[in-house]
Amino acid sequence: MSPERQRQVAAALLILGAVAAILLPFISATLLTLALGEIAFSAGVSQLL
């Protein structure tokens, strides 16, 4: 692989890493919130029944 190509690949990986570092906490927090909401919802429904 040529040095120029290696530089392009490294830059792309750095950008992908930065985007993942920004987005992953939001995604995981959203999934956690949905999971807790589902648990609370099912608990509420079982209380009503």
PDB file of N, CA and C in Angstrom:
ATOM      1  N   MET A   1       0.853  -1.184   0.000  1.00  0.00           N
ATOM      2  CA  MET A   1       0.000   0.000   0.000  1.00  0.00           C
ATOM      3  C   MET A   1       0.896   1.244   0.000  1.00  0.00           C
ATOM      4  N   SER A   2       0.557   2.192  -0.817  1.00  0.00           N
ATOM      5  CA  SER A   2       1.376   3.403  -0.921  1.00  0.00           C
ATOM      6  C   SER A   2       1.185   4.286   0.316  1.00  0.00           C
ATOM      7  N   PRO A   3       2.177   5.106   0.637  1.00  0.00           N
ATOM      8  CA  PRO A   3       2.047   5.993   1.812  1.00  0.00           C
ATOM      9  C   PRO A   3       0.836   6.916   1.724  1.00  0.00           C
ATOM     10  N   GLU A   4       0.535   7.377   0.511  1.00  0.00           N
ATOM     11  CA  GLU A   4      -0.628   8.260   0.337  1.00  0.00           C
ATOM     12  C   GLU A   4      -1.914   7.509   0.698  1.00  0.00           C
ATOM     13  N   ARG A   5      -2.002   6.270   0.239  1.00  0.00           N
ATOM     14  CA  ARG A   5      -3.193   5.456   0.527  1.00  0.00           C
ATOM     15  C   ARG A   5      -3.291   5.164   2.029  1.00  0.00           C
ATOM     16  N   GLN A   6      -2.153   4.895   2.652  1.00  0.00           N
ATOM     17  CA  GLN A   6      -2.142   4.646   4.095  1.00  0.00           C
ATOM     18  C   GLN A   6      -2.633   5.872   4.855  1.00  0.00           C
ATOM     19  N   ARG A   7      -2.234   7.050   4.390  1.00  0.00           N
ATOM     20  CA  ARG A   7      -2.670   8.292   5.035  1.00  0.00           C
ATOM     21  C   ARG A   7      -4.184   8.457   4.906  1.00  0.00           C
ATOM     22  N   GLN A   8      -4.710   8.144   3.727  1.00  0.00           N
ATOM     23  CA  GLN A   8      -6.154   8.264   3.518  1.00  0.00           C
ATOM     24  C   GLN A   8      -6.912   7.294   4.416  1.00  0.00           C
ATOM     25  N   VAL A   9      -6.423   6.062   4.508  1.00  0.00           N
ATOM     26  CA  VAL A   9      -7.087   5.061   5.349  1.00  0.00           C
ATOM     27  C   VAL A   9      -7.026   5.486   6.812  1.00  0.00           C
ATOM     28  N   ALA A  10      -5.868   5.984   7.261  1.00  0.00           N
ATOM     29  CA  ALA A  10      -5.720   6.427   8.649  1.00  0.00           C
ATOM     30  C   ALA A  10      -6.665   7.591   8.946  1.00  0.00           C
ATOM     31  N   ALA A  11      -6.774   8.526   8.017  1.00  0.00           N
ATOM     32  CA  ALA A  11      -7.674   9.665   8.208  1.00  0.00           C
ATOM     33  C   ALA A  11      -9.127   9.194   8.299  1.00  0.00           C
ATOM     34  N   ALA A  12      -9.510   8.265   7.428  1.00  0.00           N
ATOM     35  CA  ALA A  12     -10.878   7.751   7.450  1.00  0.00           C
ATOM     36  C   ALA A  12     -11.166   7.042   8.770  1.00  0.00           C
ATOM     37  N   LEU A  13     -10.202   6.255   9.257  1.00  0.00           N
ATOM     38  CA  LEU A  13     -10.404   5.548  10.518  1.00  0.00           C
ATOM     39  C   LEU A  13     -10.500   6.522  11.692  1.00  0.00           C
ATOM     40  N   LEU A  14      -9.698   7.570  11.664  1.00  0.00           N
ATOM     41  CA  LEU A  14      -9.765   8.573  12.731  1.00  0.00           C
ATOM     42  C   LEU A  14     -11.124   9.265  12.744  1.00  0.00           C
ATOM     43  N   ILE A  15     -11.617   9.608  11.552  1.00  0.00           N
ATOM     44  CA  ILE A  15     -12.921  10.269  11.457  1.00  0.00           C
ATOM     45  C   ILE A  15     -14.024   9.327  11.943  1.00  0.00           C
ATOM     46  N   LEU A  16     -13.955   8.053  11.520  1.00  0.00           N
ATOM     47  CA  LEU A  16     -14.948   7.080  11.970  1.00  0.00           C
ATOM     48  C   LEU A  16     -14.903   6.918  13.490  1.00  0.00           C
ATOM     49  N   GLY A  17     -13.702   6.882  14.043  1.00  0.00           N
ATOM     50  CA  GLY A  17     -13.560   6.768  15.491  1.00  0.00           C
ATOM     51  C   GLY A  17     -14.160   7.960  16.214  1.00  0.00           C
ATOM     52  N   ALA A  18     -13.945   9.153  15.674  1.00  0.00           N
ATOM     53  CA  ALA A  18     -14.492  10.359  16.294  1.00  0.00           C
ATOM     54  C   ALA A  18     -16.018  10.352  16.245  1.00  0.00           C
ATOM     55  N   VAL A  19     -16.571   9.974  15.105  1.00  0.00           N
ATOM     56  CA  VAL A  19     -18.031   9.916  14.971  1.00  0.00           C
ATOM     57  C   VAL A  19     -18.605   8.880  15.933  1.00  0.00           C
ATOM     58  N   ALA A  20     -17.957   7.714  16.022  1.00  0.00           N
ATOM     59  CA  ALA A  20     -18.437   6.668  16.927  1.00  0.00           C
ATOM     60  C   ALA A  20     -18.372   7.136  18.378  1.00  0.00           C
ATOM     61  N   ALA A  21     -17.303   7.840  18.740  1.00  0.00           N
ATOM     62  CA  ALA A  21     -17.157   8.316  20.120  1.00  0.00           C
ATOM     63  C   ALA A  21     -18.245   9.324  20.466  1.00  0.00           C
ATOM     64  N   ILE A  22     -18.699  10.093  19.475  1.00  0.00           N
ATOM     65  CA  ILE A  22     -19.752  11.077  19.720  1.00  0.00           C
ATOM     66  C   ILE A  22     -21.122  10.395  19.778  1.00  0.00           C
ATOM     67  N   LEU A  23     -21.372   9.460  18.847  1.00  0.00           N
ATOM     68  CA  LEU A  23     -22.710   8.887  18.729  1.00  0.00           C
ATOM     69  C   LEU A  23     -22.993   7.753  19.704  1.00  0.00           C
ATOM     70  N   LEU A  24     -22.001   6.926  20.017  1.00  0.00           N
ATOM     71  CA  LEU A  24     -22.270   5.736  20.827  1.00  0.00           C
ATOM     72  C   LEU A  24     -22.870   6.041  22.199  1.00  0.00           C
ATOM     73  N   PRO A  25     -22.408   7.057  22.923  1.00  0.00           N
ATOM     74  CA  PRO A  25     -23.067   7.333  24.210  1.00  0.00           C
ATOM     75  C   PRO A  25     -24.550   7.676  24.063  1.00  0.00           C
ATOM     76  N   PHE A  26     -24.899   8.409  23.017  1.00  0.00           N
ATOM     77  CA  PHE A  26     -26.304   8.748  22.800  1.00  0.00           C
ATOM     78  C   PHE A  26     -27.115   7.506  22.467  1.00  0.00           C
ATOM     79  N   ILE A  27     -26.544   6.628  21.617  1.00  0.00           N
ATOM     80  CA  ILE A  27     -27.257   5.412  21.225  1.00  0.00           C
ATOM     81  C   ILE A  27     -27.455   4.510  22.432  1.00  0.00           C
ATOM     82  N   SER A  28     -26.394   4.317  23.223  1.00  0.00           N
ATOM     83  CA  SER A  28     -26.510   3.433  24.382  1.00  0.00           C
ATOM     84  C   SER A  28     -27.464   4.026  25.416  1.00  0.00           C
ATOM     85  N   ALA A  29     -27.438   5.343  25.608  1.00  0.00           N
ATOM     86  CA  ALA A  29     -28.356   5.976  26.558  1.00  0.00           C
ATOM     87  C   ALA A  29     -29.799   5.832  26.086  1.00  0.00           C
ATOM     88  N   THR A  30     -30.023   5.958  24.782  1.00  0.00           N
ATOM     89  CA  THR A  30     -31.372   5.800  24.237  1.00  0.00           C
ATOM     90  C   THR A  30     -31.874   4.380  24.437  1.00  0.00           C
ATOM     91  N   LEU A  31     -31.015   3.391  24.149  1.00  0.00           N
ATOM     92  CA  LEU A  31     -31.420   1.998  24.330  1.00  0.00           C
ATOM     93  C   LEU A  31     -31.699   1.695  25.799  1.00  0.00           C
ATOM     94  N   LEU A  32     -30.876   2.226  26.695  1.00  0.00           N
ATOM     95  CA  LEU A  32     -31.086   2.010  28.131  1.00  0.00           C
ATOM     96  C   LEU A  32     -32.407   2.631  28.572  1.00  0.00           C
ATOM     97  N   THR A  33     -32.697   3.830  28.086  1.00  0.00           N
ATOM     98  CA  THR A  33     -33.953   4.495  28.440  1.00  0.00           C
ATOM     99  C   THR A  33     -35.148   3.701  27.937  1.00  0.00           C
ATOM    100  N   LEU A  34     -35.066   3.198  26.703  1.00  0.00           N
ATOM    101  CA  LEU A  34     -36.160   2.391  26.161  1.00  0.00           C
ATOM    102  C   LEU A  34     -36.346   1.113  26.968  1.00  0.00           C
ATOM    103  N   ALA A  35     -35.237   0.478  27.350  1.00  0.00           N
ATOM    104  CA  ALA A  35     -35.328  -0.760  28.127  1.00  0.00           C
ATOM    105  C   ALA A  35     -35.972  -0.496  29.483  1.00  0.00           C
ATOM    106  N   LEU A  36     -35.548   0.577  30.156  1.00  0.00           N
ATOM    107  CA  LEU A  36     -36.136   0.904  31.458  1.00  0.00           C
ATOM    108  C   LEU A  36     -37.614   1.266  31.312  1.00  0.00           C
ATOM    109  N   GLY A  37     -37.953   1.977  30.248  1.00  0.00           N
ATOM    110  CA  GLY A  37     -39.347   2.322  30.000  1.00  0.00           C
ATOM    111  C   GLY A  37     -40.196   1.088  29.762  1.00  0.00           C
ATOM    112  N   GLU A  38     -39.645   0.121  29.035  1.00  0.00           N
ATOM    113  CA  GLU A  38     -40.361  -1.127  28.772  1.00  0.00           C
ATOM    114  C   GLU A  38     -40.589  -1.894  30.074  1.00  0.00           C
ATOM    115  N   ILE A  39     -39.576  -1.936  30.928  1.00  0.00           N
ATOM    116  CA  ILE A  39     -39.717  -2.618  32.222  1.00  0.00           C
ATOM    117  C   ILE A  39     -40.778  -1.922  33.069  1.00  0.00           C
ATOM    118  N   ALA A  40     -40.727  -0.594  33.122  1.00  0.00           N
ATOM    119  CA  ALA A  40     -41.701   0.159  33.910  1.00  0.00           C
ATOM    120  C   ALA A  40     -43.109  -0.021  33.346  1.00  0.00           C
ATOM    121  N   PHE A  41     -43.231  -0.039  32.024  1.00  0.00           N
ATOM    122  CA  PHE A  41     -44.534  -0.210  31.383  1.00  0.00           C
ATOM    123  C   PHE A  41     -45.115  -1.584  31.707  1.00  0.00           C
ATOM    124  N   SER A  42     -44.292  -2.630  31.567  1.00  0.00           N
ATOM    125  CA  SER A  42     -44.789  -3.980  31.840  1.00  0.00           C
ATOM    126  C   SER A  42     -45.131  -4.141  33.321  1.00  0.00           C
ATOM    127  N   ALA A  43     -44.357  -3.500  34.200  1.00  0.00           N
ATOM    128  CA  ALA A  43     -44.674  -3.558  35.630  1.00  0.00           C
ATOM    129  C   ALA A  43     -45.998  -2.854  35.907  1.00  0.00           C
ATOM    130  N   GLY A  44     -46.219  -1.721  35.258  1.00  0.00           N
ATOM    131  CA  GLY A  44     -47.474  -1.001  35.435  1.00  0.00           C
ATOM    132  C   GLY A  44     -48.663  -1.792  34.929  1.00  0.00           C
ATOM    133  N   VAL A  45     -48.513  -2.445  33.785  1.00  0.00           N
ATOM    134  CA  VAL A  45     -49.602  -3.256  33.237  1.00  0.00           C
ATOM    135  C   VAL A  45     -49.905  -4.425  34.168  1.00  0.00           C
ATOM    136  N   SER A  46     -48.862  -5.067  34.695  1.00  0.00           N
ATOM    137  CA  SER A  46     -49.098  -6.205  35.590  1.00  0.00           C
ATOM    138  C   SER A  46     -49.756  -5.750  36.893  1.00  0.00           C
ATOM    139  N   GLN A  47     -49.495  -4.524  37.323  1.00  0.00           N
ATOM    140  CA  GLN A  47     -50.162  -3.997  38.515  1.00  0.00           C
ATOM    141  C   GLN A  47     -51.657  -3.788  38.249  1.00  0.00           C
ATOM    142  N   LEU A  48     -51.978  -3.383  37.026  1.00  0.00           N
ATOM    143  CA  LEU A  48     -53.382  -3.128  36.691  1.00  0.00           C
ATOM    144  C   LEU A  48     -54.183  -4.419  36.576  1.00  0.00           C
ATOM    145  N   LEU A  49     -53.522  -5.498  36.181  1.00  0.00           N
ATOM    146  CA  LEU A  49     -54.248  -6.752  35.928  1.00  0.00           C
ATOM    147  C   LEU A  49     -54.536  -7.530  37.188  1.00  0.00           C
TER     148      LEU A  49
END
